C-alpha atoms as a PDB file:
ATOM      1  CA  MET A   1      54.144  42.631 -19.694  1.00  0.00           C
ATOM      2  CA  ALA A   2      57.783  43.607 -19.605  1.00  0.00           C
ATOM      3  CA  GLU A   3      59.097  47.136 -20.019  1.00  0.00           C
ATOM      4  CA  CYS A   4      60.062  47.671 -23.643  1.00  0.00           C
ATOM      5  CA  LYS A   5      62.326  50.086 -25.505  1.00  0.00           C
ATOM      6  CA  ASP A   6      60.131  50.099 -28.632  1.00  0.00           C
ATOM      7  CA  PRO A   7      59.466  53.715 -29.756  1.00  0.00           C
ATOM      8  CA  LYS A   8      56.317  52.564 -31.606  1.00  0.00           C
ATOM      9  CA  CYS A   9      54.745  51.082 -28.457  1.00  0.00           C
ATOM     10  CA  PRO A  10      51.579  52.994 -27.470  1.00  0.00           C
ATOM     11  CA  ILE A  11      52.146  52.228 -23.763  1.00  0.00           C
ATOM     12  CA  HIS A  12      55.921  52.577 -23.260  1.00  0.00           C
ATOM     13  CA  GLY A  13      56.884  54.498 -26.404  1.00  0.00           C
ATOM     14  CA  SER A  14      55.805  57.760 -28.005  1.00  0.00           C
ATOM     15  CA  LEU A  15      53.215  56.507 -30.525  1.00  0.00           C
ATOM     16  CA  ARG A  16      49.891  58.317 -30.169  1.00  0.00           C
ATOM     17  CA  THR A  17      46.623  56.533 -30.908  1.00  0.00           C
ATOM     18  CA  ARG A  18      43.462  58.252 -32.143  1.00  0.00           C
ATOM     19  CA  GLY A  19      40.217  57.468 -33.884  1.00  0.00           C
ATOM     20  CA  ALA A  20      38.723  54.016 -34.202  1.00  0.00           C
ATOM     21  CA  VAL A  21      39.287  51.123 -31.779  1.00  0.00           C
ATOM     22  CA  PHE A  22      38.465  47.600 -33.009  1.00  0.00           C
ATOM     23  CA  GLU A  23      38.381  44.156 -31.431  1.00  0.00           C
ATOM     24  CA  GLY A  24      39.005  41.026 -33.468  1.00  0.00           C
ATOM     25  CA  LYS A  25      40.709  37.659 -33.787  1.00  0.00           C
ATOM     26  CA  VAL A  26      44.324  37.212 -34.882  1.00  0.00           C
ATOM     27  CA  VAL A  27      44.400  35.286 -38.172  1.00  0.00           C
ATOM     28  CA  SER A  28      48.101  35.446 -39.087  1.00  0.00           C
ATOM     29  CA  THR A  29      51.398  36.215 -37.327  1.00  0.00           C
ATOM     30  CA  LYS A  30      53.713  35.275 -40.192  1.00  0.00           C
ATOM     31  CA  THR A  31      55.240  38.709 -40.790  1.00  0.00           C
ATOM     32  CA  LYS A  32      57.699  40.280 -38.380  1.00  0.00           C
ATOM     33  CA  LYS A  33      56.155  42.697 -35.829  1.00  0.00           C
ATOM     34  CA  THR A  34      52.807  42.505 -37.686  1.00  0.00           C
ATOM     35  CA  VAL A  35      49.562  40.623 -37.183  1.00  0.00           C
ATOM     36  CA  VAL A  36      46.491  40.295 -39.391  1.00  0.00           C
ATOM     37  CA  ILE A  37      43.233  40.733 -37.506  1.00  0.00           C
ATOM     38  CA  GLU A  38      39.842  39.652 -38.801  1.00  0.00           C
ATOM     39  CA  ILE A  39      36.881  41.780 -37.757  1.00  0.00           C
ATOM     40  CA  PRO A  40      33.399  40.306 -38.370  1.00  0.00           C
ATOM     41  CA  SER A  41      30.363  42.556 -38.912  1.00  0.00           C
ATOM     42  CA  LEU A  42      26.726  42.337 -39.932  1.00  0.00           C
ATOM     43  CA  GLN A  43      25.391  44.362 -42.863  1.00  0.00           C
ATOM     44  CA  ARG A  44      21.661  44.911 -43.376  1.00  0.00           C
ATOM     45  CA  VAL A  45      20.247  44.113 -46.839  1.00  0.00           C
ATOM     46  CA  ARG A  46      17.117  46.258 -47.121  1.00  0.00           C
ATOM     47  CA  LYS A  47      15.743  44.564 -50.209  1.00  0.00           C
ATOM     48  CA  TYR A  48      15.520  41.139 -48.529  1.00  0.00           C
ATOM     49  CA  GLU A  49      15.093  42.412 -44.947  1.00  0.00           C
ATOM     50  CA  ARG A  50      17.960  40.232 -43.781  1.00  0.00           C
ATOM     51  CA  LEU A  51      21.453  40.565 -42.360  1.00  0.00           C
ATOM     52  CA  GLU A  52      24.568  39.346 -44.150  1.00  0.00           C
ATOM     53  CA  LYS A  53      27.871  38.479 -42.523  1.00  0.00           C
ATOM     54  CA  ARG A  54      30.931  40.397 -43.641  1.00  0.00           C
ATOM     55  CA  ARG A  55      34.513  40.474 -42.460  1.00  0.00           C
ATOM     56  CA  SER A  56      37.483  42.712 -42.943  1.00  0.00           C
ATOM     57  CA  LYS A  57      41.165  42.065 -42.365  1.00  0.00           C
ATOM     58  CA  ILE A  58      43.389  44.738 -40.856  1.00  0.00           C
ATOM     59  CA  HIS A  59      47.172  44.662 -40.546  1.00  0.00           C
ATOM     60  CA  ALA A  60      48.395  45.917 -37.171  1.00  0.00           C
ATOM     61  CA  TYR A  61      51.776  46.566 -35.555  1.00  0.00           C
ATOM     62  CA  VAL A  62      52.719  44.475 -32.506  1.00  0.00           C
ATOM     63  CA  PRO A  63      55.002  46.145 -29.911  1.00  0.00           C
ATOM     64  CA  GLU A  64      57.904  44.116 -28.466  1.00  0.00           C
ATOM     65  CA  CYS A  65      56.290  43.938 -25.003  1.00  0.00           C
ATOM     66  CA  MET A  66      53.213  42.038 -26.258  1.00  0.00           C
ATOM     67  CA  LYS A  67      53.147  38.343 -27.070  1.00  0.00           C
ATOM     68  CA  VAL A  68      50.423  37.576 -29.606  1.00  0.00           C
ATOM     69  CA  LYS A  69      49.641  34.256 -31.285  1.00  0.00           C
ATOM     70  CA  GLU A  70      47.046  33.059 -33.790  1.00  0.00           C
ATOM     71  CA  GLY A  71      43.548  32.715 -32.367  1.00  0.00           C
ATOM     72  CA  ASP A  72      43.985  35.422 -29.705  1.00  0.00           C
ATOM     73  CA  ARG A  73      41.361  38.144 -29.328  1.00  0.00           C
ATOM     74  CA  VAL A  74      43.053  41.543 -29.401  1.00  0.00           C
ATOM     75  CA  ARG A  75      42.097  45.209 -29.310  1.00  0.00           C
ATOM     76  CA  ILE A  76      43.675  47.496 -31.905  1.00  0.00           C
ATOM     77  CA  ALA A  77      43.676  51.283 -32.121  1.00  0.00           C
ATOM     78  CA  GLU A  78      44.160  53.585 -35.063  1.00  0.00           C
ATOM     79  CA  CYS A  79      47.411  55.542 -35.236  1.00  0.00           C
ATOM     80  CA  ARG A  80      49.550  57.333 -37.816  1.00  0.00           C
ATOM     81  CA  LYS A  81      50.602  55.359 -40.897  1.00  0.00           C
ATOM     82  CA  LEU A  82      53.478  53.030 -39.901  1.00  0.00           C
ATOM     83  CA  SER A  83      54.000  51.411 -43.314  1.00  0.00           C
ATOM     84  CA  LYS A  84      52.147  50.925 -46.593  1.00  0.00           C
ATOM     85  CA  THR A  85      49.534  48.632 -45.056  1.00  0.00           C
ATOM     86  CA  LYS A  86      49.765  49.331 -41.291  1.00  0.00           C
ATOM     87  CA  SER A  87      47.903  52.183 -39.632  1.00  0.00           C
ATOM     88  CA  HIS A  88      46.782  50.341 -36.477  1.00  0.00           C
ATOM     89  CA  VAL A  89      48.616  49.133 -33.382  1.00  0.00           C
ATOM     90  CA  VAL A  90      47.785  46.351 -30.887  1.00  0.00           C
ATOM     91  CA  VAL A  91      46.778  47.919 -27.578  1.00  0.00           C
ATOM     92  CA  LYS A  92      45.516  44.965 -25.518  1.00  0.00           C
END
């Protein structure tokens, strides 16, 4: 990792993280400085006594010092709202 001048970087900049930390797989890197992460989960259905698979997609900001591509497993942390859809940042 190279030193970066990005003010929104949680490591080198001044962006504070708080709250939830998720781990998931990068699904899309098409937008600039943004990735879409898919987070799988299991939900219990009491009526049928089974588990069902669910997934959610979260948009996250990518600092300049991190190189992320599709298929990577990343860790994201919650932060202040950065745009309309982004309130998470890639940490690892």
